[in-house]
Amino acid sequence: MGQESTTPYMITREDRGLRIQWDRSGPETILPARDLRLACPCAGCKEEMTGRPILDPATVLADVRPLSIELVGAYGIRVRWSDGHATGIYTFAALRSLSGEVG
């Protein structure tokens, strides 16, 4: 069995979330928008020292969606959300981990 890549081949924004293709011909994952928003790693959403979520899930609407994504260096992406949030940087390793949770 081959080693799974943590660097995506392609990321596509969709209303329902992000579609991530991990290899040119390999697995593809759809990360649901609300799940991804709740997993935001920024200091306003996660306790900095413990990593414990501090974002109240009740404050994130079911129809939250990604408005745009931008590459951050060679290690992650920033998502601008329909709820105005845009400070979290999702590393490719974190996206791969989240992909394993949904797929």
PDB file of N, CA and C in Angstrom:
ATOM      1  N   MET A   1       0.847  -1.182   0.000  1.00  0.00           N
ATOM      2  CA  MET A   1       0.000   0.000   0.000  1.00  0.00           C
ATOM      3  C   MET A   1       0.889   1.241   0.000  1.00  0.00           C
ATOM      4  N   GLY A   2       0.608   2.221  -0.863  1.00  0.00           N
ATOM      5  CA  GLY A   2       1.434   3.412  -0.974  1.00  0.00           C
ATOM      6  C   GLY A   2       1.179   4.412   0.137  1.00  0.00           C
ATOM      7  N   GLN A   3       2.134   5.323   0.253  1.00  0.00           N
ATOM      8  CA  GLN A   3       2.007   6.377   1.255  1.00  0.00           C
ATOM      9  C   GLN A   3       1.025   7.429   0.745  1.00  0.00           C
ATOM     10  N   GLU A   4       0.128   7.882   1.611  1.00  0.00           N
ATOM     11  CA  GLU A   4      -0.849   8.887   1.218  1.00  0.00           C
ATOM     12  C   GLU A   4      -0.198  10.262   1.200  1.00  0.00           C
ATOM     13  N   SER A   5      -0.488  11.028   0.171  1.00  0.00           N
ATOM     14  CA  SER A   5       0.038  12.376   0.042  1.00  0.00           C
ATOM     15  C   SER A   5      -0.714  13.319   0.974  1.00  0.00           C
ATOM     16  N   THR A   6       0.039  14.241   1.587  1.00  0.00           N
ATOM     17  CA  THR A   6      -0.624  15.272   2.381  1.00  0.00           C
ATOM     18  C   THR A   6      -0.691  16.585   1.603  1.00  0.00           C
ATOM     19  N   THR A   7      -0.161  16.606   0.393  1.00  0.00           N
ATOM     20  CA  THR A   7      -0.269  17.781  -0.458  1.00  0.00           C
ATOM     21  C   THR A   7      -1.293  17.476  -1.544  1.00  0.00           C
ATOM     22  N   PRO A   8      -2.381  18.223  -1.564  1.00  0.00           N
ATOM     23  CA  PRO A   8      -3.431  17.940  -2.547  1.00  0.00           C
ATOM     24  C   PRO A   8      -2.975  18.227  -3.973  1.00  0.00           C
ATOM     25  N   TYR A   9      -3.500  17.461  -4.894  1.00  0.00           N
ATOM     26  CA  TYR A   9      -3.281  17.707  -6.316  1.00  0.00           C
ATOM     27  C   TYR A   9      -4.169  18.883  -6.754  1.00  0.00           C
ATOM     28  N   MET A  10      -5.421  18.914  -6.246  1.00  0.00           N
ATOM     29  CA  MET A  10      -6.355  19.978  -6.604  1.00  0.00           C
ATOM     30  C   MET A  10      -7.391  20.163  -5.498  1.00  0.00           C
ATOM     31  N   ILE A  11      -7.732  21.428  -5.226  1.00  0.00           N
ATOM     32  CA  ILE A  11      -8.809  21.758  -4.288  1.00  0.00           C
ATOM     33  C   ILE A  11      -9.820  22.616  -5.037  1.00  0.00           C
ATOM     34  N   THR A  12     -11.077  22.220  -4.980  1.00  0.00           N
ATOM     35  CA  THR A  12     -12.142  22.945  -5.661  1.00  0.00           C
ATOM     36  C   THR A  12     -13.178  23.383  -4.637  1.00  0.00           C
ATOM     37  N   ARG A  13     -13.536  24.660  -4.690  1.00  0.00           N
ATOM     38  CA  ARG A  13     -14.561  25.192  -3.789  1.00  0.00           C
ATOM     39  C   ARG A  13     -15.932  24.894  -4.373  1.00  0.00           C
ATOM     40  N   GLU A  14     -16.814  24.380  -3.524  1.00  0.00           N
ATOM     41  CA  GLU A  14     -18.206  24.139  -3.883  1.00  0.00           C
ATOM     42  C   GLU A  14     -19.068  24.697  -2.766  1.00  0.00           C
ATOM     43  N   ASP A  15     -20.335  24.971  -3.041  1.00  0.00           N
ATOM     44  CA  ASP A  15     -21.214  25.478  -1.988  1.00  0.00           C
ATOM     45  C   ASP A  15     -21.296  24.518  -0.814  1.00  0.00           C
ATOM     46  N   ARG A  16     -21.273  23.234  -1.106  1.00  0.00           N
ATOM     47  CA  ARG A  16     -21.416  22.248  -0.029  1.00  0.00           C
ATOM     48  C   ARG A  16     -20.114  21.983   0.716  1.00  0.00           C
ATOM     49  N   GLY A  17     -19.008  22.522   0.249  1.00  0.00           N
ATOM     50  CA  GLY A  17     -17.729  22.328   0.931  1.00  0.00           C
ATOM     51  C   GLY A  17     -16.563  22.398  -0.023  1.00  0.00           C
ATOM     52  N   LEU A  18     -15.497  21.678   0.313  1.00  0.00           N
ATOM     53  CA  LEU A  18     -14.318  21.626  -0.539  1.00  0.00           C
ATOM     54  C   LEU A  18     -14.151  20.217  -1.090  1.00  0.00           C
ATOM     55  N   ARG A  19     -13.881  20.149  -2.376  1.00  0.00           N
ATOM     56  CA  ARG A  19     -13.564  18.873  -3.024  1.00  0.00           C
ATOM     57  C   ARG A  19     -12.044  18.833  -3.150  1.00  0.00           C
ATOM     58  N   ILE A  20     -11.449  17.808  -2.562  1.00  0.00           N
ATOM     59  CA  ILE A  20      -9.993  17.694  -2.577  1.00  0.00           C
ATOM     60  C   ILE A  20      -9.600  16.414  -3.300  1.00  0.00           C
ATOM     61  N   GLN A  21      -8.804  16.584  -4.338  1.00  0.00           N
ATOM     62  CA  GLN A  21      -8.241  15.439  -5.054  1.00  0.00           C
ATOM     63  C   GLN A  21      -6.795  15.316  -4.585  1.00  0.00           C
ATOM     64  N   TRP A  22      -6.476  14.189  -3.973  1.00  0.00           N
ATOM     65  CA  TRP A  22      -5.165  14.027  -3.331  1.00  0.00           C
ATOM     66  C   TRP A  22      -4.074  13.618  -4.299  1.00  0.00           C
ATOM     67  N   ASP A  23      -4.405  12.914  -5.341  1.00  0.00           N
ATOM     68  CA  ASP A  23      -3.451  12.506  -6.364  1.00  0.00           C
ATOM     69  C   ASP A  23      -4.115  12.694  -7.714  1.00  0.00           C
ATOM     70  N   ARG A  24      -3.317  12.761  -8.750  1.00  0.00           N
ATOM     71  CA  ARG A  24      -3.855  12.977 -10.094  1.00  0.00           C
ATOM     72  C   ARG A  24      -4.959  11.977 -10.428  1.00  0.00           C
ATOM     73  N   SER A  25      -4.763  10.722 -10.092  1.00  0.00           N
ATOM     74  CA  SER A  25      -5.774   9.705 -10.387  1.00  0.00           C
ATOM     75  C   SER A  25      -6.260   9.007  -9.123  1.00  0.00           C
ATOM     76  N   GLY A  26      -5.947   9.604  -7.991  1.00  0.00           N
ATOM     77  CA  GLY A  26      -6.233   8.937  -6.729  1.00  0.00           C
ATOM     78  C   GLY A  26      -7.510   9.379  -6.061  1.00  0.00           C
ATOM     79  N   PRO A  27      -7.563   9.184  -4.757  1.00  0.00           N
ATOM     80  CA  PRO A  27      -8.790   9.432  -4.001  1.00  0.00           C
ATOM     81  C   PRO A  27      -9.199  10.903  -4.001  1.00  0.00           C
ATOM     82  N   GLU A  28     -10.484  11.095  -3.883  1.00  0.00           N
ATOM     83  CA  GLU A  28     -11.068  12.429  -3.819  1.00  0.00           C
ATOM     84  C   GLU A  28     -11.953  12.476  -2.586  1.00  0.00           C
ATOM     85  N   THR A  29     -11.913  13.587  -1.887  1.00  0.00           N
ATOM     86  CA  THR A  29     -12.705  13.750  -0.676  1.00  0.00           C
ATOM     87  C   THR A  29     -13.527  15.020  -0.788  1.00  0.00           C
ATOM     88  N   ILE A  30     -14.746  14.983  -0.285  1.00  0.00           N
ATOM     89  CA  ILE A  30     -15.528  16.209  -0.137  1.00  0.00           C
ATOM     90  C   ILE A  30     -15.642  16.479   1.352  1.00  0.00           C
ATOM     91  N   LEU A  31     -15.080  17.611   1.768  1.00  0.00           N
ATOM     92  CA  LEU A  31     -15.180  18.016   3.168  1.00  0.00           C
ATOM     93  C   LEU A  31     -16.392  18.931   3.292  1.00  0.00           C
ATOM     94  N   PRO A  32     -17.413  18.519   4.041  1.00  0.00           N
ATOM     95  CA  PRO A  32     -18.612  19.342   4.194  1.00  0.00           C
ATOM     96  C   PRO A  32     -18.276  20.709   4.794  1.00  0.00           C
ATOM     97  N   ALA A  33     -18.898  21.746   4.257  1.00  0.00           N
ATOM     98  CA  ALA A  33     -18.593  23.119   4.648  1.00  0.00           C
ATOM     99  C   ALA A  33     -18.716  23.341   6.156  1.00  0.00           C
ATOM    100  N   ARG A  34     -19.815  22.945   6.743  1.00  0.00           N
ATOM    101  CA  ARG A  34     -20.010  23.211   8.173  1.00  0.00           C
ATOM    102  C   ARG A  34     -18.985  22.458   9.021  1.00  0.00           C
ATOM    103  N   ASP A  35     -18.691  21.217   8.664  1.00  0.00           N
ATOM    104  CA  ASP A  35     -17.680  20.452   9.400  1.00  0.00           C
ATOM    105  C   ASP A  35     -16.322  21.140   9.322  1.00  0.00           C
ATOM    106  N   LEU A  36     -15.985  21.631   8.138  1.00  0.00           N
ATOM    107  CA  LEU A  36     -14.708  22.313   7.953  1.00  0.00           C
ATOM    108  C   LEU A  36     -14.677  23.628   8.735  1.00  0.00           C
ATOM    109  N   ARG A  37     -15.783  24.361   8.702  1.00  0.00           N
ATOM    110  CA  ARG A  37     -15.849  25.628   9.459  1.00  0.00           C
ATOM    111  C   ARG A  37     -15.695  25.359  10.950  1.00  0.00           C
ATOM    112  N   LEU A  38     -16.331  24.302  11.460  1.00  0.00           N
ATOM    113  CA  LEU A  38     -16.219  23.959  12.883  1.00  0.00           C
ATOM    114  C   LEU A  38     -14.816  23.497  13.256  1.00  0.00           C
ATOM    115  N   ALA A  39     -14.052  23.048  12.283  1.00  0.00           N
ATOM    116  CA  ALA A  39     -12.680  22.589  12.534  1.00  0.00           C
ATOM    117  C   ALA A  39     -11.657  23.709  12.362  1.00  0.00           C
ATOM    118  N   CYS A  40     -12.110  24.939  12.221  1.00  0.00           N
ATOM    119  CA  CYS A  40     -11.190  26.056  12.016  1.00  0.00           C
ATOM    120  C   CYS A  40     -10.116  26.066  13.107  1.00  0.00           C
ATOM    121  N   PRO A  41      -8.845  26.162  12.709  1.00  0.00           N
ATOM    122  CA  PRO A  41      -7.757  26.090  13.676  1.00  0.00           C
ATOM    123  C   PRO A  41      -7.319  27.432  14.261  1.00  0.00           C
ATOM    124  N   CYS A  42      -7.998  28.522  13.937  1.00  0.00           N
ATOM    125  CA  CYS A  42      -7.530  29.828  14.408  1.00  0.00           C
ATOM    126  C   CYS A  42      -7.709  29.976  15.921  1.00  0.00           C
ATOM    127  N   ALA A  43      -7.022  30.966  16.487  1.00  0.00           N
ATOM    128  CA  ALA A  43      -7.054  31.183  17.937  1.00  0.00           C
ATOM    129  C   ALA A  43      -8.438  31.582  18.439  1.00  0.00           C
ATOM    130  N   GLY A  44      -9.288  32.103  17.574  1.00  0.00           N
ATOM    131  CA  GLY A  44     -10.645  32.440  17.981  1.00  0.00           C
ATOM    132  C   GLY A  44     -11.584  31.246  18.021  1.00  0.00           C
ATOM    133  N   CYS A  45     -11.162  30.153  17.400  1.00  0.00           N
ATOM    134  CA  CYS A  45     -12.004  28.958  17.322  1.00  0.00           C
ATOM    135  C   CYS A  45     -11.462  27.783  18.126  1.00  0.00           C
ATOM    136  N   LYS A  46     -10.171  27.801  18.415  1.00  0.00           N
ATOM    137  CA  LYS A  46      -9.544  26.716  19.190  1.00  0.00           C
ATOM    138  C   LYS A  46      -8.677  27.318  20.282  1.00  0.00           C
ATOM    139  N   GLU A  47      -8.701  26.693  21.447  1.00  0.00           N
ATOM    140  CA  GLU A  47      -7.825  27.081  22.549  1.00  0.00           C
ATOM    141  C   GLU A  47      -6.383  26.879  22.080  1.00  0.00           C
ATOM    142  N   GLU A  48      -5.591  27.938  22.183  1.00  0.00           N
ATOM    143  CA  GLU A  48      -4.238  27.894  21.633  1.00  0.00           C
ATOM    144  C   GLU A  48      -3.343  26.835  22.280  1.00  0.00           C
ATOM    145  N   MET A  49      -3.401  26.697  23.574  1.00  0.00           N
ATOM    146  CA  MET A  49      -2.501  25.774  24.271  1.00  0.00           C
ATOM    147  C   MET A  49      -2.981  24.321  24.230  1.00  0.00           C
ATOM    148  N   THR A  50      -4.283  24.103  24.260  1.00  0.00           N
ATOM    149  CA  THR A  50      -4.797  22.728  24.335  1.00  0.00           C
ATOM    150  C   THR A  50      -5.368  22.216  23.014  1.00  0.00           C
ATOM    151  N   GLY A  51      -5.719  23.127  22.109  1.00  0.00           N
ATOM    152  CA  GLY A  51      -6.357  22.726  20.862  1.00  0.00           C
ATOM    153  C   GLY A  51      -7.840  22.429  21.027  1.00  0.00           C
ATOM    154  N   ARG A  52      -8.351  22.638  22.237  1.00  0.00           N
ATOM    155  CA  ARG A  52      -9.768  22.392  22.525  1.00  0.00           C
ATOM    156  C   ARG A  52     -10.631  23.398  21.756  1.00  0.00           C
ATOM    157  N   PRO A  53     -11.677  22.921  21.092  1.00  0.00           N
ATOM    158  CA  PRO A  53     -12.559  23.844  20.372  1.00  0.00           C
ATOM    159  C   PRO A  53     -13.239  24.825  21.336  1.00  0.00           C
ATOM    160  N   ILE A  54     -13.247  26.090  20.958  1.00  0.00           N
ATOM    161  CA  ILE A  54     -13.974  27.090  21.748  1.00  0.00           C
ATOM    162  C   ILE A  54     -15.104  27.722  20.926  1.00  0.00           C
ATOM    163  N   LEU A  55     -15.151  27.404  19.649  1.00  0.00           N
ATOM    164  CA  LEU A  55     -16.237  27.870  18.791  1.00  0.00           C
ATOM    165  C   LEU A  55     -17.504  27.112  19.152  1.00  0.00           C
ATOM    166  N   ASP A  56     -18.557  27.846  19.469  1.00  0.00           N
ATOM    167  CA  ASP A  56     -19.841  27.224  19.804  1.00  0.00           C
ATOM    168  C   ASP A  56     -20.517  26.762  18.511  1.00  0.00           C
ATOM    169  N   PRO A  57     -20.709  25.459  18.339  1.00  0.00           N
ATOM    170  CA  PRO A  57     -21.339  24.956  17.112  1.00  0.00           C
ATOM    171  C   PRO A  57     -22.703  25.584  16.830  1.00  0.00           C
ATOM    172  N   ALA A  58     -23.404  26.012  17.863  1.00  0.00           N
ATOM    173  CA  ALA A  58     -24.722  26.625  17.674  1.00  0.00           C
ATOM    174  C   ALA A  58     -24.628  27.956  16.929  1.00  0.00           C
ATOM    175  N   THR A  59     -23.436  28.559  16.893  1.00  0.00           N
ATOM    176  CA  THR A  59     -23.265  29.843  16.210  1.00  0.00           C
ATOM    177  C   THR A  59     -22.910  29.692  14.731  1.00  0.00           C
ATOM    178  N   VAL A  60     -22.691  28.466  14.280  1.00  0.00           N
ATOM    179  CA  VAL A  60     -22.336  28.222  12.876  1.00  0.00           C
ATOM    180  C   VAL A  60     -23.572  27.682  12.154  1.00  0.00           C
ATOM    181  N   LEU A  61     -24.076  28.457  11.221  1.00  0.00           N
ATOM    182  CA  LEU A  61     -25.290  28.079  10.497  1.00  0.00           C
ATOM    183  C   LEU A  61     -25.078  26.823   9.660  1.00  0.00           C
ATOM    184  N   ALA A  62     -26.134  26.076   9.476  1.00  0.00           N
ATOM    185  CA  ALA A  62     -26.071  24.844   8.686  1.00  0.00           C
ATOM    186  C   ALA A  62     -25.710  25.127   7.230  1.00  0.00           C
ATOM    187  N   ASP A  63     -26.053  26.328   6.744  1.00  0.00           N
ATOM    188  CA  ASP A  63     -25.794  26.643   5.337  1.00  0.00           C
ATOM    189  C   ASP A  63     -24.530  27.474   5.115  1.00  0.00           C
ATOM    190  N   VAL A  64     -23.627  27.497   6.097  1.00  0.00           N
ATOM    191  CA  VAL A  64     -22.363  28.210   5.912  1.00  0.00           C
ATOM    192  C   VAL A  64     -21.640  27.612   4.705  1.00  0.00           C
ATOM    193  N   ARG A  65     -20.993  28.471   3.936  1.00  0.00           N
ATOM    194  CA  ARG A  65     -20.309  27.964   2.746  1.00  0.00           C
ATOM    195  C   ARG A  65     -19.011  28.738   2.506  1.00  0.00           C
ATOM    196  N   PRO A  66     -18.066  28.101   1.838  1.00  0.00           N
ATOM    197  CA  PRO A  66     -16.817  28.793   1.513  1.00  0.00           C
ATOM    198  C   PRO A  66     -17.040  29.746   0.338  1.00  0.00           C
ATOM    199  N   LEU A  67     -16.621  30.999   0.517  1.00  0.00           N
ATOM    200  CA  LEU A  67     -16.751  31.972  -0.568  1.00  0.00           C
ATOM    201  C   LEU A  67     -15.512  31.985  -1.448  1.00  0.00           C
ATOM    202  N   SER A  68     -14.355  31.772  -0.823  1.00  0.00           N
ATOM    203  CA  SER A  68     -13.110  31.721  -1.581  1.00  0.00           C
ATOM    204  C   SER A  68     -12.073  30.936  -0.792  1.00  0.00           C
ATOM    205  N   ILE A  69     -11.073  30.452  -1.510  1.00  0.00           N
ATOM    206  CA  ILE A  69      -9.934  29.802  -0.868  1.00  0.00           C
ATOM    207  C   ILE A  69      -8.671  30.405  -1.466  1.00  0.00           C
ATOM    208  N   GLU A  70      -7.632  30.524  -0.644  1.00  0.00           N
ATOM    209  CA  GLU A  70      -6.360  31.016  -1.154  1.00  0.00           C
ATOM    210  C   GLU A  70      -5.233  30.175  -0.584  1.00  0.00           C
ATOM    211  N   LEU A  71      -4.241  29.962  -1.392  1.00  0.00           N
ATOM    212  CA  LEU A  71      -3.074  29.199  -0.994  1.00  0.00           C
ATOM    213  C   LEU A  71      -2.257  30.013  -0.001  1.00  0.00           C
ATOM    214  N   VAL A  72      -1.791  29.368   1.052  1.00  0.00           N
ATOM    215  CA  VAL A  72      -0.915  30.004   2.037  1.00  0.00           C
ATOM    216  C   VAL A  72       0.409  29.250   1.997  1.00  0.00           C
ATOM    217  N   GLY A  73       1.418  29.890   1.437  1.00  0.00           N
ATOM    218  CA  GLY A  73       2.709  29.229   1.296  1.00  0.00           C
ATOM    219  C   GLY A  73       2.561  27.934   0.513  1.00  0.00           C
ATOM    220  N   ALA A  74       3.335  26.939   0.928  1.00  0.00           N
ATOM    221  CA  ALA A  74       3.269  25.627   0.283  1.00  0.00           C
ATOM    222  C   ALA A  74       2.705  24.595   1.241  1.00  0.00           C
ATOM    223  N   TYR A  75       1.957  25.077   2.259  1.00  0.00           N
ATOM    224  CA  TYR A  75       1.532  24.152   3.315  1.00  0.00           C
ATOM    225  C   TYR A  75       0.057  24.186   3.657  1.00  0.00           C
ATOM    226  N   GLY A  76      -0.716  25.115   3.105  1.00  0.00           N
ATOM    227  CA  GLY A  76      -2.114  25.163   3.507  1.00  0.00           C
ATOM    228  C   GLY A  76      -2.943  26.154   2.710  1.00  0.00           C
ATOM    229  N   ILE A  77      -4.180  26.323   3.177  1.00  0.00           N
ATOM    230  CA  ILE A  77      -5.114  27.253   2.548  1.00  0.00           C
ATOM    231  C   ILE A  77      -5.825  28.084   3.614  1.00  0.00           C
ATOM    232  N   ARG A  78      -6.288  29.246   3.187  1.00  0.00           N
ATOM    233  CA  ARG A  78      -7.169  30.080   4.010  1.00  0.00           C
ATOM    234  C   ARG A  78      -8.518  30.095   3.299  1.00  0.00           C
ATOM    235  N   VAL A  79      -9.575  29.938   4.077  1.00  0.00           N
ATOM    236  CA  VAL A  79     -10.932  29.937   3.527  1.00  0.00           C
ATOM    237  C   VAL A  79     -11.652  31.184   4.021  1.00  0.00           C
ATOM    238  N   ARG A  80     -12.292  31.904   3.112  1.00  0.00           N
ATOM    239  CA  ARG A  80     -13.164  33.016   3.501  1.00  0.00           C
ATOM    240  C   ARG A  80     -14.580  32.455   3.477  1.00  0.00           C
ATOM    241  N   TRP A  81     -15.244  32.532   4.642  1.00  0.00           N
ATOM    242  CA  TRP A  81     -16.553  31.897   4.841  1.00  0.00           C
ATOM    243  C   TRP A  81     -17.696  32.890   4.682  1.00  0.00           C
ATOM    244  N   SER A  82     -18.873  32.375   4.370  1.00  0.00           N
ATOM    245  CA  SER A  82     -20.073  33.197   4.207  1.00  0.00           C
ATOM    246  C   SER A  82     -20.505  33.860   5.511  1.00  0.00           C
ATOM    247  N   ASP A  83     -19.990  33.374   6.662  1.00  0.00           N
ATOM    248  CA  ASP A  83     -20.318  34.011   7.943  1.00  0.00           C
ATOM    249  C   ASP A  83     -19.332  35.120   8.305  1.00  0.00           C
ATOM    250  N   GLY A  84     -18.423  35.458   7.380  1.00  0.00           N
ATOM    251  CA  GLY A  84     -17.473  36.538   7.596  1.00  0.00           C
ATOM    252  C   GLY A  84     -16.135  36.098   8.169  1.00  0.00           C
ATOM    253  N   HIS A  85     -16.029  34.864   8.585  1.00  0.00           N
ATOM    254  CA  HIS A  85     -14.788  34.371   9.186  1.00  0.00           C
ATOM    255  C   HIS A  85     -13.755  34.101   8.090  1.00  0.00           C
ATOM    256  N   ALA A  86     -12.480  34.473   8.358  1.00  0.00           N
ATOM    257  CA  ALA A  86     -11.449  34.261   7.331  1.00  0.00           C
ATOM    258  C   ALA A  86     -10.039  34.187   7.908  1.00  0.00           C
ATOM    259  N   THR A  87      -9.904  33.856   9.190  1.00  0.00           N
ATOM    260  CA  THR A  87      -8.569  33.908   9.792  1.00  0.00           C
ATOM    261  C   THR A  87      -7.890  32.561   9.949  1.00  0.00           C
ATOM    262  N   GLY A  88      -8.602  31.471   9.780  1.00  0.00           N
ATOM    263  CA  GLY A  88      -7.999  30.154   9.983  1.00  0.00           C
ATOM    264  C   GLY A  88      -7.178  29.698   8.788  1.00  0.00           C
ATOM    265  N   ILE A  89      -6.016  29.133   9.059  1.00  0.00           N
ATOM    266  CA  ILE A  89      -5.201  28.516   8.021  1.00  0.00           C
ATOM    267  C   ILE A  89      -5.262  27.012   8.230  1.00  0.00           C
ATOM    268  N   TYR A  90      -5.810  26.330   7.252  1.00  0.00           N
ATOM    269  CA  TYR A  90      -5.934  24.874   7.298  1.00  0.00           C
ATOM    270  C   TYR A  90      -4.706  24.278   6.617  1.00  0.00           C
ATOM    271  N   THR A  91      -3.856  23.608   7.375  1.00  0.00           N
ATOM    272  CA  THR A  91      -2.691  22.977   6.757  1.00  0.00           C
ATOM    273  C   THR A  91      -3.154  21.794   5.917  1.00  0.00           C
ATOM    274  N   PHE A  92      -2.329  21.433   4.942  1.00  0.00           N
ATOM    275  CA  PHE A  92      -2.678  20.279   4.118  1.00  0.00           C
ATOM    276  C   PHE A  92      -2.748  19.012   4.964  1.00  0.00           C
ATOM    277  N   ALA A  93      -1.869  18.911   5.962  1.00  0.00           N
ATOM    278  CA  ALA A  93      -1.900  17.735   6.848  1.00  0.00           C
ATOM    279  C   ALA A  93      -3.221  17.676   7.613  1.00  0.00           C
ATOM    280  N   ALA A  94      -3.711  18.839   8.068  1.00  0.00           N
ATOM    281  CA  ALA A  94      -4.991  18.873   8.789  1.00  0.00           C
ATOM    282  C   ALA A  94      -6.140  18.499   7.853  1.00  0.00           C
ATOM    283  N   LEU A  95      -6.098  18.982   6.616  1.00  0.00           N
ATOM    284  CA  LEU A  95      -7.139  18.631   5.645  1.00  0.00           C
ATOM    285  C   LEU A  95      -7.122  17.133   5.358  1.00  0.00           C
ATOM    286  N   ARG A  96      -5.932  16.558   5.274  1.00  0.00           N
ATOM    287  CA  ARG A  96      -5.821  15.114   5.035  1.00  0.00           C
ATOM    288  C   ARG A  96      -6.414  14.343   6.206  1.00  0.00           C
ATOM    289  N   SER A  97      -6.132  14.821   7.422  1.00  0.00           N
ATOM    290  CA  SER A  97      -6.680  14.176   8.618  1.00  0.00           C
ATOM    291  C   SER A  97      -8.204  14.266   8.625  1.00  0.00           C
ATOM    292  N   LEU A  98      -8.736  15.446   8.320  1.00  0.00           N
ATOM    293  CA  LEU A  98     -10.189  15.616   8.251  1.00  0.00           C
ATOM    294  C   LEU A  98     -10.784  14.741   7.152  1.00  0.00           C
ATOM    295  N   SER A  99     -10.070  14.563   6.067  1.00  0.00           N
ATOM    296  CA  SER A  99     -10.539  13.707   4.972  1.00  0.00           C
ATOM    297  C   SER A  99     -10.698  12.271   5.438  1.00  0.00           C
ATOM    298  N   GLY A 100      -9.804  11.827   6.285  1.00  0.00           N
ATOM    299  CA  GLY A 100      -9.899  10.474   6.831  1.00  0.00           C
ATOM    300  C   GLY A 100     -11.098  10.303   7.733  1.00  0.00           C
ATOM    301  N   GLU A 101     -11.501  11.394   8.398  1.00  0.00           N
ATOM    302  CA  GLU A 101     -12.647  11.343   9.302  1.00  0.00           C
ATOM    303  C   GLU A 101     -13.959  11.250   8.540  1.00  0.00           C
ATOM    304  N   VAL A 102     -14.022  11.844   7.339  1.00  0.00           N
ATOM    305  CA  VAL A 102     -15.277  11.835   6.577  1.00  0.00           C
ATOM    306  C   VAL A 102     -15.312  10.751   5.516  1.00  0.00           C
ATOM    307  N   GLY A 103     -14.178  10.174   5.179  1.00  0.00           N
ATOM    308  CA  GLY A 103     -14.163   9.199   4.094  1.00  0.00           C
ATOM    309  C   GLY A 103     -13.757   7.918   4.624  1.00  0.00           C
TER     310      GLY A 103
END
